Amino acid sequence: MKIGYLTAGLLATAGAAQAGEVAHYSFASQELGRDYAYTIYTPDGYGERGLTYPQMYLLHGSFGNENNWVVKGGAKATLDRLIDEGRIPPAVVIMPGAESWWVDGYNENAETAFFEDLIPHIESNWDVIPEREGRAVGGLSAGGYGTV
């Protein structure tokens, strides 16, 4: 009977998708004069093989924050599925917080902080491809505005 349970357990996990991890961080932003918060998704196996990954930035909409893509948008499950299906490569996905429309002048210098503080911070602290060709940016609503 023990062999039956062991076999059933192995079969149940044999086709299981690998899961990435989500964590929350912040760092001191010189441009903002305060901590710059972000949520980050790392793919399954991150840090185990000495690889560098593409970096994808997802910008939230107006009145949103760094948690919206995960809490309201289901980003973790979506990214896990897309990677598991081979539709996107394993990537490090950064979801920053801002108090503006991702441009300088409305509440804060969000655009300058993104380029001068956030990207260098990510590229210095995470295993990502540190070139422009290794980055992608997307956004929702005001976040979409910030991508252009």
N, C-alpha and C. Protein backbone atom coordinates (compact mmCIF):
# COMPACT_ATOMS: atom_id res chain seq x y z
N MET A 1 0.82 -1.19 0.00
CA MET A 1 0.00 0.00 0.00
C MET A 1 0.86 1.26 0.00
N LYS A 2 2.01 1.22 0.70
CA LYS A 2 2.89 2.38 0.73
C LYS A 2 3.39 2.71 -0.67
N ILE A 3 3.66 1.68 -1.47
CA ILE A 3 4.13 1.91 -2.84
C ILE A 3 3.05 2.59 -3.66
N GLY A 4 1.79 2.24 -3.43
CA GLY A 4 0.69 2.88 -4.14
C GLY A 4 0.60 4.36 -3.83
N TYR A 5 0.77 4.73 -2.55
CA TYR A 5 0.75 6.14 -2.17
C TYR A 5 1.94 6.89 -2.76
N LEU A 6 3.11 6.25 -2.74
CA LEU A 6 4.30 6.87 -3.29
C LEU A 6 4.14 7.10 -4.79
N THR A 7 3.63 6.10 -5.49
CA THR A 7 3.41 6.23 -6.93
C THR A 7 2.39 7.32 -7.23
N ALA A 8 1.31 7.35 -6.48
CA ALA A 8 0.29 8.39 -6.69
C ALA A 8 0.88 9.77 -6.45
N GLY A 9 1.70 9.90 -5.43
CA GLY A 9 2.33 11.19 -5.14
C GLY A 9 3.28 11.62 -6.24
N LEU A 10 4.05 10.70 -6.76
CA LEU A 10 4.98 11.03 -7.85
C LEU A 10 4.23 11.41 -9.11
N LEU A 11 3.17 10.69 -9.42
CA LEU A 11 2.38 11.01 -10.62
C LEU A 11 1.70 12.36 -10.48
N ALA A 12 1.27 12.70 -9.28
CA ALA A 12 0.59 13.97 -9.07
C ALA A 12 1.52 15.16 -9.28
N THR A 13 2.81 14.96 -9.01
CA THR A 13 3.75 16.07 -9.15
C THR A 13 4.55 16.02 -10.44
N ALA A 14 4.44 14.97 -11.21
CA ALA A 14 5.26 14.81 -12.41
C ALA A 14 5.06 15.92 -13.43
N GLY A 15 3.84 16.36 -13.63
CA GLY A 15 3.59 17.39 -14.63
C GLY A 15 3.41 18.78 -14.03
N ALA A 16 3.76 18.93 -12.76
CA ALA A 16 3.54 20.21 -12.09
C ALA A 16 4.43 21.30 -12.68
N ALA A 17 3.85 22.45 -12.86
CA ALA A 17 4.60 23.60 -13.38
C ALA A 17 5.54 24.12 -12.30
N GLN A 18 6.66 24.62 -12.74
CA GLN A 18 7.60 25.25 -11.83
C GLN A 18 7.06 26.64 -11.47
N ALA A 19 7.33 27.06 -10.27
CA ALA A 19 6.79 28.34 -9.82
C ALA A 19 7.90 29.32 -9.48
N GLY A 20 7.72 30.54 -9.92
CA GLY A 20 8.64 31.61 -9.57
C GLY A 20 8.31 32.15 -8.19
N GLU A 21 9.06 33.16 -7.78
CA GLU A 21 8.84 33.76 -6.47
C GLU A 21 8.60 35.26 -6.62
N VAL A 22 7.81 35.80 -5.71
CA VAL A 22 7.52 37.23 -5.66
C VAL A 22 8.01 37.75 -4.32
N ALA A 23 8.69 38.89 -4.34
CA ALA A 23 9.17 39.51 -3.11
C ALA A 23 9.05 41.03 -3.23
N HIS A 24 9.11 41.69 -2.10
CA HIS A 24 8.96 43.15 -2.05
C HIS A 24 10.24 43.76 -1.47
N TYR A 25 10.72 44.80 -2.12
CA TYR A 25 11.95 45.47 -1.70
C TYR A 25 11.81 46.97 -1.85
N SER A 26 12.77 47.68 -1.29
CA SER A 26 12.89 49.12 -1.52
C SER A 26 14.35 49.50 -1.35
N PHE A 27 14.70 50.65 -1.87
CA PHE A 27 16.06 51.17 -1.73
C PHE A 27 15.97 52.69 -1.68
N ALA A 28 17.01 53.32 -1.19
CA ALA A 28 17.04 54.78 -1.08
C ALA A 28 17.25 55.39 -2.46
N SER A 29 16.28 56.14 -2.93
CA SER A 29 16.37 56.81 -4.23
C SER A 29 16.88 58.23 -4.03
N GLN A 30 18.00 58.53 -4.64
CA GLN A 30 18.55 59.88 -4.55
C GLN A 30 17.63 60.88 -5.24
N GLU A 31 17.09 60.50 -6.39
CA GLU A 31 16.22 61.40 -7.15
C GLU A 31 14.92 61.71 -6.42
N LEU A 32 14.33 60.70 -5.78
CA LEU A 32 13.05 60.90 -5.10
C LEU A 32 13.22 61.45 -3.69
N GLY A 33 14.37 61.25 -3.10
CA GLY A 33 14.58 61.68 -1.72
C GLY A 33 13.82 60.83 -0.73
N ARG A 34 13.51 59.61 -1.10
CA ARG A 34 12.79 58.66 -0.24
C ARG A 34 13.07 57.25 -0.74
N ASP A 35 12.52 56.27 -0.03
CA ASP A 35 12.67 54.89 -0.49
C ASP A 35 11.83 54.66 -1.74
N TYR A 36 12.38 53.90 -2.65
CA TYR A 36 11.73 53.54 -3.92
C TYR A 36 11.32 52.08 -3.78
N ALA A 37 10.03 51.81 -3.67
CA ALA A 37 9.53 50.45 -3.46
C ALA A 37 9.28 49.75 -4.79
N TYR A 38 9.53 48.45 -4.80
CA TYR A 38 9.21 47.64 -5.97
C TYR A 38 8.91 46.21 -5.55
N THR A 39 8.12 45.55 -6.37
CA THR A 39 7.84 44.13 -6.24
C THR A 39 8.59 43.45 -7.37
N ILE A 40 9.17 42.29 -7.09
CA ILE A 40 9.95 41.61 -8.11
C ILE A 40 9.55 40.14 -8.20
N TYR A 41 9.47 39.67 -9.43
CA TYR A 41 9.20 38.26 -9.72
C TYR A 41 10.50 37.67 -10.25
N THR A 42 10.92 36.56 -9.65
CA THR A 42 12.07 35.82 -10.17
C THR A 42 11.60 34.44 -10.59
N PRO A 43 12.05 33.96 -11.75
CA PRO A 43 11.58 32.67 -12.25
C PRO A 43 12.12 31.51 -11.44
N ASP A 44 11.48 30.37 -11.57
CA ASP A 44 11.92 29.16 -10.90
C ASP A 44 13.39 28.90 -11.25
N GLY A 45 14.17 28.56 -10.25
CA GLY A 45 15.58 28.27 -10.46
C GLY A 45 16.48 29.49 -10.48
N TYR A 46 15.92 30.67 -10.27
CA TYR A 46 16.72 31.89 -10.27
C TYR A 46 17.86 31.76 -9.27
N GLY A 47 19.05 32.11 -9.69
CA GLY A 47 20.22 32.10 -8.82
C GLY A 47 20.89 30.75 -8.67
N GLU A 48 20.31 29.70 -9.22
CA GLU A 48 20.88 28.36 -9.06
C GLU A 48 21.89 28.00 -10.14
N ARG A 49 21.77 28.62 -11.30
CA ARG A 49 22.60 28.21 -12.43
C ARG A 49 23.58 29.28 -12.89
N GLY A 50 23.65 30.39 -12.19
CA GLY A 50 24.56 31.45 -12.58
C GLY A 50 24.18 32.14 -13.88
N LEU A 51 22.90 32.14 -14.23
CA LEU A 51 22.43 32.75 -15.46
C LEU A 51 22.05 34.21 -15.23
N THR A 52 22.00 34.97 -16.31
CA THR A 52 21.39 36.30 -16.26
C THR A 52 20.10 36.22 -17.06
N TYR A 53 19.13 37.01 -16.67
CA TYR A 53 17.79 36.94 -17.24
C TYR A 53 17.39 38.27 -17.87
N PRO A 54 16.51 38.22 -18.86
CA PRO A 54 15.93 39.47 -19.36
C PRO A 54 15.18 40.14 -18.21
N GLN A 55 15.10 41.46 -18.26
CA GLN A 55 14.35 42.20 -17.25
C GLN A 55 13.14 42.85 -17.90
N MET A 56 12.00 42.70 -17.25
CA MET A 56 10.76 43.28 -17.75
C MET A 56 10.19 44.17 -16.64
N TYR A 57 9.85 45.39 -17.01
CA TYR A 57 9.28 46.34 -16.07
C TYR A 57 7.80 46.49 -16.38
N LEU A 58 6.95 46.32 -15.36
CA LEU A 58 5.51 46.51 -15.51
C LEU A 58 5.10 47.71 -14.65
N LEU A 59 4.61 48.77 -15.32
CA LEU A 59 4.24 50.00 -14.63
C LEU A 59 2.75 50.01 -14.31
N HIS A 60 2.41 50.32 -13.08
CA HIS A 60 1.00 50.34 -12.65
C HIS A 60 0.29 51.57 -13.18
N GLY A 61 -1.03 51.55 -13.08
CA GLY A 61 -1.84 52.68 -13.51
C GLY A 61 -1.94 53.76 -12.45
N SER A 62 -2.67 54.80 -12.78
CA SER A 62 -2.86 55.94 -11.89
C SER A 62 -3.44 55.49 -10.55
N PHE A 63 -2.92 56.04 -9.48
CA PHE A 63 -3.31 55.73 -8.11
C PHE A 63 -2.99 54.29 -7.71
N GLY A 64 -2.18 53.61 -8.50
CA GLY A 64 -1.77 52.25 -8.17
C GLY A 64 -0.49 52.23 -7.35
N ASN A 65 0.03 51.02 -7.15
CA ASN A 65 1.30 50.89 -6.44
C ASN A 65 2.04 49.65 -6.92
N GLU A 66 3.18 49.40 -6.32
CA GLU A 66 4.05 48.31 -6.74
C GLU A 66 3.45 46.92 -6.55
N ASN A 67 2.34 46.81 -5.84
CA ASN A 67 1.71 45.51 -5.60
C ASN A 67 0.57 45.19 -6.57
N ASN A 68 0.10 46.17 -7.33
CA ASN A 68 -1.09 45.98 -8.16
C ASN A 68 -0.99 44.84 -9.15
N TRP A 69 0.13 44.71 -9.83
CA TRP A 69 0.24 43.66 -10.84
C TRP A 69 0.10 42.27 -10.24
N VAL A 70 0.57 42.09 -9.01
CA VAL A 70 0.49 40.79 -8.36
C VAL A 70 -0.87 40.60 -7.70
N VAL A 71 -1.31 41.58 -6.92
CA VAL A 71 -2.55 41.45 -6.14
C VAL A 71 -3.79 41.52 -7.03
N LYS A 72 -3.85 42.51 -7.90
CA LYS A 72 -5.04 42.69 -8.73
C LYS A 72 -4.93 42.03 -10.10
N GLY A 73 -3.72 41.88 -10.59
CA GLY A 73 -3.54 41.38 -11.95
C GLY A 73 -3.12 39.93 -12.07
N GLY A 74 -2.87 39.26 -10.95
CA GLY A 74 -2.48 37.86 -11.01
C GLY A 74 -1.17 37.62 -11.74
N ALA A 75 -0.22 38.56 -11.61
CA ALA A 75 1.02 38.48 -12.38
C ALA A 75 1.82 37.21 -12.12
N LYS A 76 1.89 36.76 -10.88
CA LYS A 76 2.70 35.58 -10.58
C LYS A 76 2.20 34.36 -11.33
N ALA A 77 0.91 34.08 -11.22
CA ALA A 77 0.35 32.91 -11.90
C ALA A 77 0.47 33.04 -13.41
N THR A 78 0.25 34.24 -13.93
CA THR A 78 0.35 34.46 -15.37
C THR A 78 1.78 34.25 -15.85
N LEU A 79 2.75 34.82 -15.15
CA LEU A 79 4.15 34.65 -15.55
C LEU A 79 4.58 33.20 -15.44
N ASP A 80 4.21 32.52 -14.35
CA ASP A 80 4.53 31.10 -14.21
C ASP A 80 3.99 30.31 -15.40
N ARG A 81 2.75 30.56 -15.77
CA ARG A 81 2.12 29.83 -16.87
C ARG A 81 2.80 30.14 -18.20
N LEU A 82 3.04 31.42 -18.50
CA LEU A 82 3.65 31.79 -19.77
C LEU A 82 5.05 31.21 -19.91
N ILE A 83 5.81 31.19 -18.83
CA ILE A 83 7.15 30.59 -18.86
C ILE A 83 7.04 29.08 -19.03
N ASP A 84 6.14 28.45 -18.27
CA ASP A 84 5.96 27.00 -18.34
C ASP A 84 5.54 26.55 -19.75
N GLU A 85 4.71 27.35 -20.41
CA GLU A 85 4.25 27.03 -21.76
C GLU A 85 5.26 27.40 -22.83
N GLY A 86 6.35 28.04 -22.45
CA GLY A 86 7.37 28.44 -23.41
C GLY A 86 6.99 29.66 -24.24
N ARG A 87 5.98 30.39 -23.80
CA ARG A 87 5.53 31.57 -24.56
C ARG A 87 6.40 32.78 -24.30
N ILE A 88 7.05 32.83 -23.14
CA ILE A 88 8.06 33.85 -22.86
C ILE A 88 9.24 33.15 -22.20
N PRO A 89 10.44 33.73 -22.32
CA PRO A 89 11.58 33.12 -21.63
C PRO A 89 11.52 33.44 -20.14
N PRO A 90 12.20 32.65 -19.32
CA PRO A 90 12.29 33.02 -17.91
C PRO A 90 12.86 34.44 -17.82
N ALA A 91 12.25 35.27 -17.00
CA ALA A 91 12.65 36.68 -16.89
C ALA A 91 12.48 37.16 -15.46
N VAL A 92 13.21 38.20 -15.12
CA VAL A 92 13.02 38.90 -13.86
C VAL A 92 12.07 40.05 -14.17
N VAL A 93 10.96 40.11 -13.45
CA VAL A 93 9.94 41.12 -13.72
C VAL A 93 9.86 42.07 -12.53
N ILE A 94 10.07 43.34 -12.82
CA ILE A 94 10.11 44.37 -11.79
C ILE A 94 8.86 45.22 -11.90
N MET A 95 8.15 45.37 -10.79
CA MET A 95 6.92 46.16 -10.75
C MET A 95 7.13 47.29 -9.75
N PRO A 96 7.60 48.44 -10.23
CA PRO A 96 7.92 49.54 -9.33
C PRO A 96 6.69 50.33 -8.90
N GLY A 97 6.84 51.06 -7.82
CA GLY A 97 5.79 51.96 -7.36
C GLY A 97 6.17 53.39 -7.70
N ALA A 98 5.17 54.21 -7.98
CA ALA A 98 5.41 55.64 -8.23
C ALA A 98 4.18 56.41 -7.79
N GLU A 99 4.37 57.68 -7.52
CA GLU A 99 3.27 58.55 -7.10
C GLU A 99 2.93 59.54 -8.21
N SER A 100 3.13 59.13 -9.43
CA SER A 100 2.86 60.02 -10.56
C SER A 100 2.48 59.20 -11.78
N TRP A 101 2.45 59.85 -12.92
CA TRP A 101 2.12 59.18 -14.18
C TRP A 101 3.37 58.74 -14.90
N TRP A 102 4.42 58.47 -14.17
CA TRP A 102 5.68 57.97 -14.70
C TRP A 102 6.43 59.01 -15.53
N VAL A 103 6.11 60.28 -15.33
CA VAL A 103 6.84 61.37 -15.99
C VAL A 103 7.35 62.31 -14.90
N ASP A 104 8.31 63.13 -15.24
CA ASP A 104 8.82 64.11 -14.28
C ASP A 104 7.85 65.27 -14.14
N GLY A 105 7.70 65.74 -12.91
CA GLY A 105 6.94 66.96 -12.67
C GLY A 105 5.59 66.78 -12.03
N TYR A 106 4.95 65.64 -12.16
CA TYR A 106 3.66 65.43 -11.52
C TYR A 106 3.92 64.66 -10.23
N ASN A 107 3.92 65.32 -9.11
CA ASN A 107 4.20 64.78 -7.77
C ASN A 107 5.67 64.48 -7.52
N GLU A 108 6.37 63.96 -8.53
CA GLU A 108 7.77 63.56 -8.34
C GLU A 108 8.44 63.39 -9.70
N ASN A 109 9.74 63.23 -9.68
CA ASN A 109 10.49 62.99 -10.92
C ASN A 109 10.57 61.49 -11.18
N ALA A 110 9.42 60.90 -11.49
CA ALA A 110 9.33 59.46 -11.65
C ALA A 110 10.14 58.94 -12.84
N GLU A 111 10.14 59.67 -13.94
CA GLU A 111 10.89 59.21 -15.12
C GLU A 111 12.39 59.20 -14.84
N THR A 112 12.90 60.28 -14.28
CA THR A 112 14.33 60.34 -13.97
C THR A 112 14.69 59.28 -12.94
N ALA A 113 13.88 59.11 -11.91
CA ALA A 113 14.16 58.09 -10.89
C ALA A 113 14.16 56.69 -11.49
N PHE A 114 13.27 56.43 -12.44
CA PHE A 114 13.21 55.13 -13.11
C PHE A 114 14.54 54.84 -13.81
N PHE A 115 15.01 55.80 -14.61
CA PHE A 115 16.22 55.58 -15.40
C PHE A 115 17.51 55.75 -14.60
N GLU A 116 17.55 56.70 -13.69
CA GLU A 116 18.79 57.01 -12.98
C GLU A 116 18.97 56.24 -11.67
N ASP A 117 17.88 55.80 -11.06
CA ASP A 117 17.97 55.09 -9.79
C ASP A 117 17.55 53.63 -9.89
N LEU A 118 16.34 53.38 -10.42
CA LEU A 118 15.81 52.01 -10.40
C LEU A 118 16.58 51.06 -11.30
N ILE A 119 16.74 51.40 -12.57
CA ILE A 119 17.43 50.48 -13.48
C ILE A 119 18.85 50.18 -12.99
N PRO A 120 19.67 51.18 -12.62
CA PRO A 120 20.99 50.84 -12.09
C PRO A 120 20.94 49.98 -10.83
N HIS A 121 19.95 50.23 -9.96
CA HIS A 121 19.80 49.41 -8.75
C HIS A 121 19.51 47.95 -9.13
N ILE A 122 18.57 47.74 -10.03
CA ILE A 122 18.22 46.38 -10.45
C ILE A 122 19.43 45.70 -11.08
N GLU A 123 20.11 46.39 -11.97
CA GLU A 123 21.24 45.78 -12.68
C GLU A 123 22.45 45.53 -11.78
N SER A 124 22.53 46.21 -10.65
CA SER A 124 23.62 45.99 -9.69
C SER A 124 23.30 44.91 -8.67
N ASN A 125 22.02 44.62 -8.47
CA ASN A 125 21.63 43.72 -7.38
C ASN A 125 20.95 42.43 -7.81
N TRP A 126 20.61 42.32 -9.07
CA TRP A 126 19.89 41.14 -9.55
C TRP A 126 20.60 40.57 -10.78
N ASP A 127 20.42 39.27 -11.01
CA ASP A 127 21.06 38.59 -12.14
C ASP A 127 20.26 38.83 -13.41
N VAL A 128 20.43 40.03 -13.97
CA VAL A 128 19.72 40.41 -15.19
C VAL A 128 20.72 40.79 -16.27
N ILE A 129 20.25 40.73 -17.51
CA ILE A 129 21.06 41.18 -18.64
C ILE A 129 21.17 42.70 -18.52
N PRO A 130 22.38 43.24 -18.35
CA PRO A 130 22.51 44.67 -18.05
C PRO A 130 22.63 45.57 -19.28
N GLU A 131 22.02 45.20 -20.35
CA GLU A 131 22.03 46.04 -21.55
C GLU A 131 20.61 46.38 -21.95
N ARG A 132 20.49 47.43 -22.73
CA ARG A 132 19.18 47.88 -23.21
C ARG A 132 18.43 46.76 -23.92
N GLU A 133 19.15 45.94 -24.67
CA GLU A 133 18.52 44.84 -25.41
C GLU A 133 17.91 43.79 -24.49
N GLY A 134 18.30 43.80 -23.22
CA GLY A 134 17.77 42.84 -22.26
C GLY A 134 16.61 43.37 -21.45
N ARG A 135 16.07 44.54 -21.84
CA ARG A 135 14.97 45.16 -21.08
C ARG A 135 13.71 45.29 -21.92
N ALA A 136 12.58 45.17 -21.23
CA ALA A 136 11.27 45.45 -21.84
C ALA A 136 10.45 46.22 -20.81
N VAL A 137 9.57 47.08 -21.29
CA VAL A 137 8.71 47.87 -20.40
C VAL A 137 7.28 47.80 -20.91
N GLY A 138 6.35 47.57 -20.00
CA GLY A 138 4.93 47.57 -20.33
C GLY A 138 4.17 48.26 -19.21
N GLY A 139 2.96 48.66 -19.49
CA GLY A 139 2.19 49.32 -18.45
C GLY A 139 0.71 49.32 -18.73
N LEU A 140 -0.05 49.63 -17.70
CA LEU A 140 -1.50 49.69 -17.77
C LEU A 140 -1.94 51.12 -17.51
N SER A 141 -2.78 51.66 -18.38
CA SER A 141 -3.33 53.00 -18.20
C SER A 141 -2.20 54.03 -18.08
N ALA A 142 -2.08 54.72 -16.94
CA ALA A 142 -1.00 55.69 -16.79
C ALA A 142 0.36 55.02 -16.92
N GLY A 143 0.45 53.75 -16.56
CA GLY A 143 1.69 53.00 -16.75
C GLY A 143 2.00 52.81 -18.23
N GLY A 144 0.96 52.63 -19.04
CA GLY A 144 1.16 52.57 -20.49
C GLY A 144 1.65 53.89 -21.02
N TYR A 145 1.11 54.98 -20.48
CA TYR A 145 1.57 56.31 -20.86
C TYR A 145 3.05 56.47 -20.53
N GLY A 146 3.46 55.95 -19.39
CA GLY A 146 4.85 56.04 -18.97
C GLY A 146 5.80 55.23 -19.83
N THR A 147 5.29 54.24 -20.54
CA THR A 147 6.17 53.42 -21.38
C THR A 147 6.58 54.13 -22.65
N VAL A 148 5.80 55.12 -23.06
CA VAL A 148 6.14 55.84 -24.28
C VAL A 148 6.91 57.08 -23.92
